[in-house]
Amino acid sequence: MLTTAAAHRVLKTDPVMAGLIAAAVRYKPDATVEQSPFEVLARAIAHQQLHAAAADNILARFIALFEGGVFPLPQYVIDADAARLRAVGFSHAKIAALKDLAEKAVLGVVPGRAELDALSDEQIIERLTQVRGIGRWTVEMMLMFQLQRPDVLPVDDFGVRMGFRLAYGLKGMPKPRALAKFGERWAPHRSIAAWYLWRAVDLSKQNLLPKCKRAPRIELQPVAKKKAASGKKKSPHAVRRKHA
């Protein structure tokens, strides 16, 4: 990852981001644990829709199934009986995702770390989202935190979008595509910009977030319409449109 000092010089050309940097705890890269892309994605699948503690317990039982108590190789997961994986706490959907991940790792669709390092961010996203249950957001988190890629802006992340809304004084949530366009000014340090946008949410809760003098003109997400009052019958036309 590029140096923090260089990133701050670029980001501070944006006055709002400059204020956010001044108010927040100074950015510091997280320490990374050396893991294969297969293991990183397998752990991500395990954590989907679960609290961290519950997912960690399932992963501990999963690893204990295999000899040596170390994270299994892809072929071992392919060969593992689905009933045993179910017994440690994985849902049927997660078992299918883990099996698909293991098969794609064996086939080389999910490459090893050395090959992954030679690919661009978009090439990695294109490759890894072929795995069942792995979406763009999961790969973006891997790019930012495991691979330490410097220029990733996860515009679909709720925390990033909320942080942007709060820091820039918007009346609604920015559309992901609009945020991606706005964020081009932070290149090639968009990963650090995202980190500060996450901090903006925390600062707002503590009433420490600097006020934005003038909100930028950016396309916002439409406000969701309120649901009809309970007991009110829906139009049959509306029902047909819903299921069309």
C-alpha atoms as a PDB file:
ATOM      1  CA  MET A   1       0.000   0.000   0.000  1.00  0.00           C
ATOM      2  CA  LEU A   2       1.211   3.516  -0.766  1.00  0.00           C
ATOM      3  CA  THR A   3       2.395   5.664   2.118  1.00  0.00           C
ATOM      4  CA  THR A   4      -0.124   7.281   4.418  1.00  0.00           C
ATOM      5  CA  ALA A   5       1.596  10.661   4.054  1.00  0.00           C
ATOM      6  CA  ALA A   6       1.163  10.597   0.273  1.00  0.00           C
ATOM      7  CA  ALA A   7      -2.478   9.577   0.659  1.00  0.00           C
ATOM      8  CA  HIS A   8      -3.201  12.409   3.086  1.00  0.00           C
ATOM      9  CA  ARG A   9      -1.704  14.975   0.723  1.00  0.00           C
ATOM     10  CA  VAL A  10      -4.091  13.869  -2.025  1.00  0.00           C
ATOM     11  CA  LEU A  11      -7.159  13.484   0.181  1.00  0.00           C
ATOM     12  CA  LYS A  12      -6.691  16.858   1.880  1.00  0.00           C
ATOM     13  CA  THR A  13      -7.220  18.633  -1.436  1.00  0.00           C
ATOM     14  CA  ASP A  14     -10.886  17.842  -0.757  1.00  0.00           C
ATOM     15  CA  PRO A  15     -11.843  20.278   2.076  1.00  0.00           C
ATOM     16  CA  VAL A  16     -14.462  17.969   3.592  1.00  0.00           C
ATOM     17  CA  MET A  17     -12.092  15.018   3.617  1.00  0.00           C
ATOM     18  CA  ALA A  18      -9.402  17.281   5.094  1.00  0.00           C
ATOM     19  CA  GLY A  19     -11.714  18.159   7.993  1.00  0.00           C
ATOM     20  CA  LEU A  20     -12.619  14.531   8.474  1.00  0.00           C
ATOM     21  CA  ILE A  21      -8.945  13.519   8.589  1.00  0.00           C
ATOM     22  CA  ALA A  22      -8.244  16.231  11.162  1.00  0.00           C
ATOM     23  CA  ALA A  23     -11.106  15.075  13.389  1.00  0.00           C
ATOM     24  CA  ALA A  24     -10.582  11.308  13.142  1.00  0.00           C
ATOM     25  CA  VAL A  25      -8.010   8.982  14.613  1.00  0.00           C
ATOM     26  CA  ARG A  26      -5.068   8.835  12.240  1.00  0.00           C
ATOM     27  CA  TYR A  27      -5.289   6.078   9.648  1.00  0.00           C
ATOM     28  CA  LYS A  28      -3.148   3.034  10.375  1.00  0.00           C
ATOM     29  CA  PRO A  29      -3.186  -0.116   8.192  1.00  0.00           C
ATOM     30  CA  ASP A  30      -4.477  -3.222   9.931  1.00  0.00           C
ATOM     31  CA  ALA A  31      -1.980  -5.975  10.559  1.00  0.00           C
ATOM     32  CA  THR A  32      -2.607  -8.805   8.117  1.00  0.00           C
ATOM     33  CA  VAL A  33      -2.412 -12.542   8.705  1.00  0.00           C
ATOM     34  CA  GLU A  34      -0.922 -14.528   5.833  1.00  0.00           C
ATOM     35  CA  GLN A  35      -3.750 -16.640   4.441  1.00  0.00           C
ATOM     36  CA  SER A  36      -4.372 -18.179   1.038  1.00  0.00           C
ATOM     37  CA  PRO A  37      -7.147 -16.656  -1.095  1.00  0.00           C
ATOM     38  CA  PHE A  38      -9.054 -19.920  -0.592  1.00  0.00           C
ATOM     39  CA  GLU A  39      -8.906 -19.588   3.187  1.00  0.00           C
ATOM     40  CA  VAL A  40      -9.820 -15.888   3.148  1.00  0.00           C
ATOM     41  CA  LEU A  41     -12.920 -16.570   1.063  1.00  0.00           C
ATOM     42  CA  ALA A  42     -13.888 -19.671   3.032  1.00  0.00           C
ATOM     43  CA  ARG A  43     -13.775 -17.641   6.235  1.00  0.00           C
ATOM     44  CA  ALA A  44     -15.819 -14.900   4.562  1.00  0.00           C
ATOM     45  CA  ILE A  45     -18.489 -17.457   3.609  1.00  0.00           C
ATOM     46  CA  ALA A  46     -18.571 -18.735   7.194  1.00  0.00           C
ATOM     47  CA  HIS A  47     -19.144 -15.217   8.540  1.00  0.00           C
ATOM     48  CA  GLN A  48     -21.988 -14.301   6.194  1.00  0.00           C
ATOM     49  CA  GLN A  49     -25.149 -13.361   8.123  1.00  0.00           C
ATOM     50  CA  LEU A  50     -23.681 -14.465  11.444  1.00  0.00           C
ATOM     51  CA  HIS A  51     -22.214 -12.705  14.470  1.00  0.00           C
ATOM     52  CA  ALA A  52     -18.421 -12.959  14.517  1.00  0.00           C
ATOM     53  CA  ALA A  53     -18.334 -15.157  17.643  1.00  0.00           C
ATOM     54  CA  ALA A  54     -20.799 -17.668  16.207  1.00  0.00           C
ATOM     55  CA  ALA A  55     -18.898 -17.831  12.913  1.00  0.00           C
ATOM     56  CA  ASP A  56     -15.570 -18.274  14.716  1.00  0.00           C
ATOM     57  CA  ASN A  57     -16.994 -21.182  16.727  1.00  0.00           C
ATOM     58  CA  ILE A  58     -18.214 -22.877  13.548  1.00  0.00           C
ATOM     59  CA  LEU A  59     -14.838 -22.349  11.892  1.00  0.00           C
ATOM     60  CA  ALA A  60     -13.030 -23.846  14.900  1.00  0.00           C
ATOM     61  CA  ARG A  61     -15.208 -26.981  14.696  1.00  0.00           C
ATOM     62  CA  PHE A  62     -14.710 -27.078  10.925  1.00  0.00           C
ATOM     63  CA  ILE A  63     -10.901 -26.953  11.196  1.00  0.00           C
ATOM     64  CA  ALA A  64     -10.983 -29.631  13.909  1.00  0.00           C
ATOM     65  CA  LEU A  65     -12.504 -32.054  11.374  1.00  0.00           C
ATOM     66  CA  PHE A  66      -9.202 -32.225   9.529  1.00  0.00           C
ATOM     67  CA  GLU A  67      -5.891 -33.782  10.492  1.00  0.00           C
ATOM     68  CA  GLY A  68      -3.372 -31.500  12.131  1.00  0.00           C
ATOM     69  CA  GLY A  69      -5.889 -28.878  13.215  1.00  0.00           C
ATOM     70  CA  VAL A  70      -4.908 -26.534  10.385  1.00  0.00           C
ATOM     71  CA  PHE A  71      -7.106 -24.954   7.737  1.00  0.00           C
ATOM     72  CA  PRO A  72      -7.849 -27.650   5.151  1.00  0.00           C
ATOM     73  CA  LEU A  73      -6.701 -27.668   1.559  1.00  0.00           C
ATOM     74  CA  PRO A  74      -9.395 -27.279  -1.112  1.00  0.00           C
ATOM     75  CA  GLN A  75      -9.354 -30.963  -2.055  1.00  0.00           C
ATOM     76  CA  TYR A  76     -10.090 -31.942   1.551  1.00  0.00           C
ATOM     77  CA  VAL A  77     -13.193 -29.744   1.510  1.00  0.00           C
ATOM     78  CA  ILE A  78     -14.318 -31.297  -1.773  1.00  0.00           C
ATOM     79  CA  ASP A  79     -13.927 -34.775  -0.252  1.00  0.00           C
ATOM     80  CA  ALA A  80     -15.561 -33.861   3.083  1.00  0.00           C
ATOM     81  CA  ASP A  81     -18.941 -35.429   3.739  1.00  0.00           C
ATOM     82  CA  ALA A  82     -21.695 -32.808   3.636  1.00  0.00           C
ATOM     83  CA  ALA A  83     -23.315 -34.287   6.751  1.00  0.00           C
ATOM     84  CA  ARG A  84     -20.120 -33.678   8.756  1.00  0.00           C
ATOM     85  CA  LEU A  85     -19.983 -30.067   7.531  1.00  0.00           C
ATOM     86  CA  ARG A  86     -23.635 -29.661   8.470  1.00  0.00           C
ATOM     87  CA  ALA A  87     -22.889 -31.019  11.943  1.00  0.00           C
ATOM     88  CA  VAL A  88     -20.342 -28.277  12.692  1.00  0.00           C
ATOM     89  CA  GLY A  89     -22.974 -25.620  11.977  1.00  0.00           C
ATOM     90  CA  PHE A  90     -22.813 -24.761   8.280  1.00  0.00           C
ATOM     91  CA  SER A  91     -26.124 -24.292   6.477  1.00  0.00           C
ATOM     92  CA  HIS A  92     -26.826 -26.216   3.284  1.00  0.00           C
ATOM     93  CA  ALA A  93     -26.260 -22.995   1.297  1.00  0.00           C
ATOM     94  CA  LYS A  94     -22.872 -22.408   2.913  1.00  0.00           C
ATOM     95  CA  ILE A  95     -21.818 -26.000   2.332  1.00  0.00           C
ATOM     96  CA  ALA A  96     -22.670 -25.598  -1.358  1.00  0.00           C
ATOM     97  CA  ALA A  97     -20.677 -22.337  -1.439  1.00  0.00           C
ATOM     98  CA  LEU A  98     -17.653 -23.911   0.290  1.00  0.00           C
ATOM     99  CA  LYS A  99     -17.693 -26.882  -2.072  1.00  0.00           C
ATOM    100  CA  ASP A 100     -17.911 -24.585  -5.088  1.00  0.00           C
ATOM    101  CA  LEU A 101     -15.072 -22.434  -3.737  1.00  0.00           C
ATOM    102  CA  ALA A 102     -12.893 -25.516  -3.205  1.00  0.00           C
ATOM    103  CA  GLU A 103     -13.610 -26.833  -6.696  1.00  0.00           C
ATOM    104  CA  LYS A 104     -12.780 -23.472  -8.286  1.00  0.00           C
ATOM    105  CA  ALA A 105      -9.570 -23.280  -6.235  1.00  0.00           C
ATOM    106  CA  VAL A 106      -8.503 -26.692  -7.555  1.00  0.00           C
ATOM    107  CA  LEU A 107      -9.355 -25.621 -11.113  1.00  0.00           C
ATOM    108  CA  GLY A 108      -7.381 -22.391 -10.731  1.00  0.00           C
ATOM    109  CA  VAL A 109     -10.338 -20.028 -11.048  1.00  0.00           C
ATOM    110  CA  VAL A 110      -9.467 -18.957  -7.509  1.00  0.00           C
ATOM    111  CA  PRO A 111      -5.688 -18.510  -7.863  1.00  0.00           C
ATOM    112  CA  GLY A 112      -2.930 -18.751  -5.314  1.00  0.00           C
ATOM    113  CA  ARG A 113      -1.523 -15.634  -3.661  1.00  0.00           C
ATOM    114  CA  ALA A 114       1.380 -15.172  -6.079  1.00  0.00           C
ATOM    115  CA  GLU A 115      -0.904 -15.206  -9.126  1.00  0.00           C
ATOM    116  CA  LEU A 116      -3.441 -13.012  -7.349  1.00  0.00           C
ATOM    117  CA  ASP A 117      -0.822 -10.356  -6.664  1.00  0.00           C
ATOM    118  CA  ALA A 118      -0.170 -10.083 -10.399  1.00  0.00           C
ATOM    119  CA  LEU A 119      -3.824  -9.320 -11.210  1.00  0.00           C
ATOM    120  CA  SER A 120      -5.565  -5.933 -11.183  1.00  0.00           C
ATOM    121  CA  ASP A 121      -8.368  -5.196  -8.727  1.00  0.00           C
ATOM    122  CA  GLU A 122     -11.059  -5.650 -11.396  1.00  0.00           C
ATOM    123  CA  GLN A 123      -9.495  -8.879 -12.654  1.00  0.00           C
ATOM    124  CA  ILE A 124      -9.574 -10.242  -9.111  1.00  0.00           C
ATOM    125  CA  ILE A 125     -13.202  -9.193  -8.653  1.00  0.00           C
ATOM    126  CA  GLU A 126     -14.161 -10.793 -11.969  1.00  0.00           C
ATOM    127  CA  ARG A 127     -12.422 -14.056 -11.070  1.00  0.00           C
ATOM    128  CA  LEU A 128     -13.545 -14.438  -7.480  1.00  0.00           C
ATOM    129  CA  THR A 129     -17.198 -13.440  -7.936  1.00  0.00           C
ATOM    130  CA  GLN A 130     -17.578 -16.559 -10.073  1.00  0.00           C
ATOM    131  CA  VAL A 131     -17.663 -18.470  -6.785  1.00  0.00           C
ATOM    132  CA  ARG A 132     -21.105 -19.240  -5.423  1.00  0.00           C
ATOM    133  CA  GLY A 133     -21.954 -16.937  -2.523  1.00  0.00           C
ATOM    134  CA  ILE A 134     -19.080 -14.498  -3.159  1.00  0.00           C
ATOM    135  CA  GLY A 135     -20.137 -11.014  -4.249  1.00  0.00           C
ATOM    136  CA  ARG A 136     -18.249  -7.888  -5.162  1.00  0.00           C
ATOM    137  CA  TRP A 137     -18.334  -6.476  -1.610  1.00  0.00           C
ATOM    138  CA  THR A 138     -16.643  -9.573  -0.164  1.00  0.00           C
ATOM    139  CA  VAL A 139     -13.841  -9.355  -2.717  1.00  0.00           C
ATOM    140  CA  GLU A 140     -13.445  -5.608  -2.117  1.00  0.00           C
ATOM    141  CA  MET A 141     -12.956  -6.264   1.611  1.00  0.00           C
ATOM    142  CA  MET A 142     -10.333  -8.867   0.716  1.00  0.00           C
ATOM    143  CA  LEU A 143      -8.596  -6.394  -1.587  1.00  0.00           C
ATOM    144  CA  MET A 144      -8.524  -3.725   1.113  1.00  0.00           C
ATOM    145  CA  PHE A 145      -7.625  -5.700   4.213  1.00  0.00           C
ATOM    146  CA  GLN A 146      -5.812  -8.870   3.129  1.00  0.00           C
ATOM    147  CA  LEU A 147      -4.133  -7.662  -0.060  1.00  0.00           C
ATOM    148  CA  GLN A 148      -3.697  -4.042   1.140  1.00  0.00           C
ATOM    149  CA  ARG A 149      -4.720  -2.646  -2.245  1.00  0.00           C
ATOM    150  CA  PRO A 150      -4.650   1.178  -2.000  1.00  0.00           C
ATOM    151  CA  ASP A 151      -7.363   2.266  -4.405  1.00  0.00           C
ATOM    152  CA  VAL A 152     -10.601   0.425  -3.573  1.00  0.00           C
ATOM    153  CA  LEU A 153     -13.829   2.326  -2.885  1.00  0.00           C
ATOM    154  CA  PRO A 154     -16.642  -0.081  -1.876  1.00  0.00           C
ATOM    155  CA  VAL A 155     -19.541   2.105  -2.992  1.00  0.00           C
ATOM    156  CA  ASP A 156     -22.155  -0.543  -2.129  1.00  0.00           C
ATOM    157  CA  ASP A 157     -21.026  -0.652   1.489  1.00  0.00           C
ATOM    158  CA  PHE A 158     -23.683   0.872   3.761  1.00  0.00           C
ATOM    159  CA  GLY A 159     -21.124   2.324   6.182  1.00  0.00           C
ATOM    160  CA  VAL A 160     -19.161   4.047   3.410  1.00  0.00           C
ATOM    161  CA  ARG A 161     -22.312   5.539   1.905  1.00  0.00           C
ATOM    162  CA  MET A 162     -23.650   6.641   5.309  1.00  0.00           C
ATOM    163  CA  GLY A 163     -20.290   8.152   6.202  1.00  0.00           C
ATOM    164  CA  PHE A 164     -20.282  10.086   2.952  1.00  0.00           C
ATOM    165  CA  ARG A 165     -23.828  11.290   3.573  1.00  0.00           C
ATOM    166  CA  LEU A 166     -22.959  12.529   7.058  1.00  0.00           C
ATOM    167  CA  ALA A 167     -19.581  14.062   6.214  1.00  0.00           C
ATOM    168  CA  TYR A 168     -20.842  15.893   3.122  1.00  0.00           C
ATOM    169  CA  GLY A 169     -24.149  17.052   4.630  1.00  0.00           C
ATOM    170  CA  LEU A 170     -26.462  15.232   2.227  1.00  0.00           C
ATOM    171  CA  LYS A 171     -30.196  14.850   2.805  1.00  0.00           C
ATOM    172  CA  GLY A 172     -30.184  11.275   1.571  1.00  0.00           C
ATOM    173  CA  MET A 173     -27.932   8.381   0.676  1.00  0.00           C
ATOM    174  CA  PRO A 174     -25.792   8.804  -2.440  1.00  0.00           C
ATOM    175  CA  LYS A 175     -26.326   6.419  -5.317  1.00  0.00           C
ATOM    176  CA  PRO A 176     -23.387   4.002  -5.553  1.00  0.00           C
ATOM    177  CA  ARG A 177     -22.571   5.035  -9.114  1.00  0.00           C
ATOM    178  CA  ALA A 178     -22.638   8.716  -8.164  1.00  0.00           C
ATOM    179  CA  LEU A 179     -20.375   8.059  -5.187  1.00  0.00           C
ATOM    180  CA  ALA A 180     -17.954   6.162  -7.431  1.00  0.00           C
ATOM    181  CA  LYS A 181     -17.803   9.163  -9.763  1.00  0.00           C
ATOM    182  CA  PHE A 182     -17.305  11.630  -6.909  1.00  0.00           C
ATOM    183  CA  GLY A 183     -14.627   9.417  -5.386  1.00  0.00           C
ATOM    184  CA  GLU A 184     -12.437   9.580  -8.469  1.00  0.00           C
ATOM    185  CA  ARG A 185     -10.865  12.702  -6.937  1.00  0.00           C
ATOM    186  CA  TRP A 186      -9.430  10.543  -4.137  1.00  0.00           C
ATOM    187  CA  ALA A 187      -7.529   8.202  -6.490  1.00  0.00           C
ATOM    188  CA  PRO A 188      -5.135   6.479  -6.078  1.00  0.00           C
ATOM    189  CA  HIS A 189      -5.927   6.374  -2.339  1.00  0.00           C
ATOM    190  CA  ARG A 190      -9.613   5.445  -2.269  1.00  0.00           C
ATOM    191  CA  SER A 191      -9.085   2.637   0.247  1.00  0.00           C
ATOM    192  CA  ILE A 192      -7.926   5.167   2.839  1.00  0.00           C
ATOM    193  CA  ALA A 193     -10.765   7.531   1.876  1.00  0.00           C
ATOM    194  CA  ALA A 194     -13.210   4.682   2.568  1.00  0.00           C
ATOM    195  CA  TRP A 195     -11.558   4.097   5.937  1.00  0.00           C
ATOM    196  CA  TYR A 196     -12.165   7.733   6.883  1.00  0.00           C
ATOM    197  CA  LEU A 197     -15.773   7.572   5.687  1.00  0.00           C
ATOM    198  CA  TRP A 198     -16.316   4.668   8.091  1.00  0.00           C
ATOM    199  CA  ARG A 199     -14.846   6.858  10.841  1.00  0.00           C
ATOM    200  CA  ALA A 200     -17.324   9.628   9.918  1.00  0.00           C
ATOM    201  CA  VAL A 201     -20.180   7.476  11.217  1.00  0.00           C
ATOM    202  CA  ASP A 202     -18.440   7.087  14.583  1.00  0.00           C
ATOM    203  CA  LEU A 203     -17.614  10.791  14.765  1.00  0.00           C
ATOM    204  CA  SER A 204     -21.231  11.702  14.047  1.00  0.00           C
ATOM    205  CA  LYS A 205     -22.434   9.555  16.956  1.00  0.00           C
ATOM    206  CA  GLN A 206     -20.014  11.428  19.227  1.00  0.00           C
ATOM    207  CA  ASN A 207     -21.030  14.846  17.825  1.00  0.00           C
ATOM    208  CA  LEU A 208     -17.433  15.346  16.656  1.00  0.00           C
ATOM    209  CA  LEU A 209     -17.997  15.346  12.914  1.00  0.00           C
ATOM    210  CA  PRO A 210     -17.100  18.691  11.259  1.00  0.00           C
ATOM    211  CA  LYS A 211     -20.019  20.448   9.586  1.00  0.00           C
ATOM    212  CA  CYS A 212     -19.986  20.550   5.798  1.00  0.00           C
ATOM    213  CA  LYS A 213     -20.391  24.147   4.610  1.00  0.00           C
ATOM    214  CA  ARG A 214     -21.920  23.244   1.275  1.00  0.00           C
ATOM    215  CA  ALA A 215     -23.206  19.844   0.257  1.00  0.00           C
ATOM    216  CA  PRO A 216     -22.075  18.687  -3.198  1.00  0.00           C
ATOM    217  CA  ARG A 217     -24.581  18.188  -5.976  1.00  0.00           C
ATOM    218  CA  ILE A 218     -24.761  14.426  -6.275  1.00  0.00           C
ATOM    219  CA  GLU A 219     -27.516  12.022  -7.241  1.00  0.00           C
ATOM    220  CA  LEU A 220     -29.251  10.561  -4.197  1.00  0.00           C
ATOM    221  CA  GLN A 221     -31.037   7.282  -3.668  1.00  0.00           C
ATOM    222  CA  PRO A 222     -34.840   7.727  -3.917  1.00  0.00           C
ATOM    223  CA  VAL A 223     -36.590   7.744  -0.553  1.00  0.00           C
ATOM    224  CA  ALA A 224     -38.485   4.502  -0.017  1.00  0.00           C
ATOM    225  CA  LYS A 225     -42.228   4.961   0.062  1.00  0.00           C
ATOM    226  CA  LYS A 226     -44.001   4.130   3.285  1.00  0.00           C
ATOM    227  CA  LYS A 227     -45.813   0.808   3.338  1.00  0.00           C
ATOM    228  CA  ALA A 228     -49.576   0.883   3.114  1.00  0.00           C
ATOM    229  CA  ALA A 229     -51.379   0.822   6.441  1.00  0.00           C
ATOM    230  CA  SER A 230     -52.054  -2.672   7.760  1.00  0.00           C
ATOM    231  CA  GLY A 231     -55.441  -4.012   6.780  1.00  0.00           C
ATOM    232  CA  LYS A 232     -55.637  -1.956   3.591  1.00  0.00           C
ATOM    233  CA  LYS A 233     -56.179  -4.204   0.594  1.00  0.00           C
ATOM    234  CA  LYS A 234     -53.719  -4.048  -2.257  1.00  0.00           C
ATOM    235  CA  SER A 235     -54.903  -3.395  -5.759  1.00  0.00           C
ATOM    236  CA  PRO A 236     -54.949  -6.598  -7.813  1.00  0.00           C
ATOM    237  CA  HIS A 237     -53.146  -4.612 -10.512  1.00  0.00           C
ATOM    238  CA  ALA A 238     -50.342  -3.854  -8.064  1.00  0.00           C
ATOM    239  CA  VAL A 239     -50.077  -7.515  -7.139  1.00  0.00           C
ATOM    240  CA  ARG A 240     -49.811  -8.494 -10.773  1.00  0.00           C
ATOM    241  CA  ARG A 241     -47.121  -5.889 -11.345  1.00  0.00           C
ATOM    242  CA  LYS A 242     -45.179  -7.193  -8.352  1.00  0.00           C
ATOM    243  CA  HIS A 243     -45.148 -10.755  -9.643  1.00  0.00           C
ATOM    244  CA  ALA A 244     -44.852  -9.938 -13.339  1.00  0.00           C
END
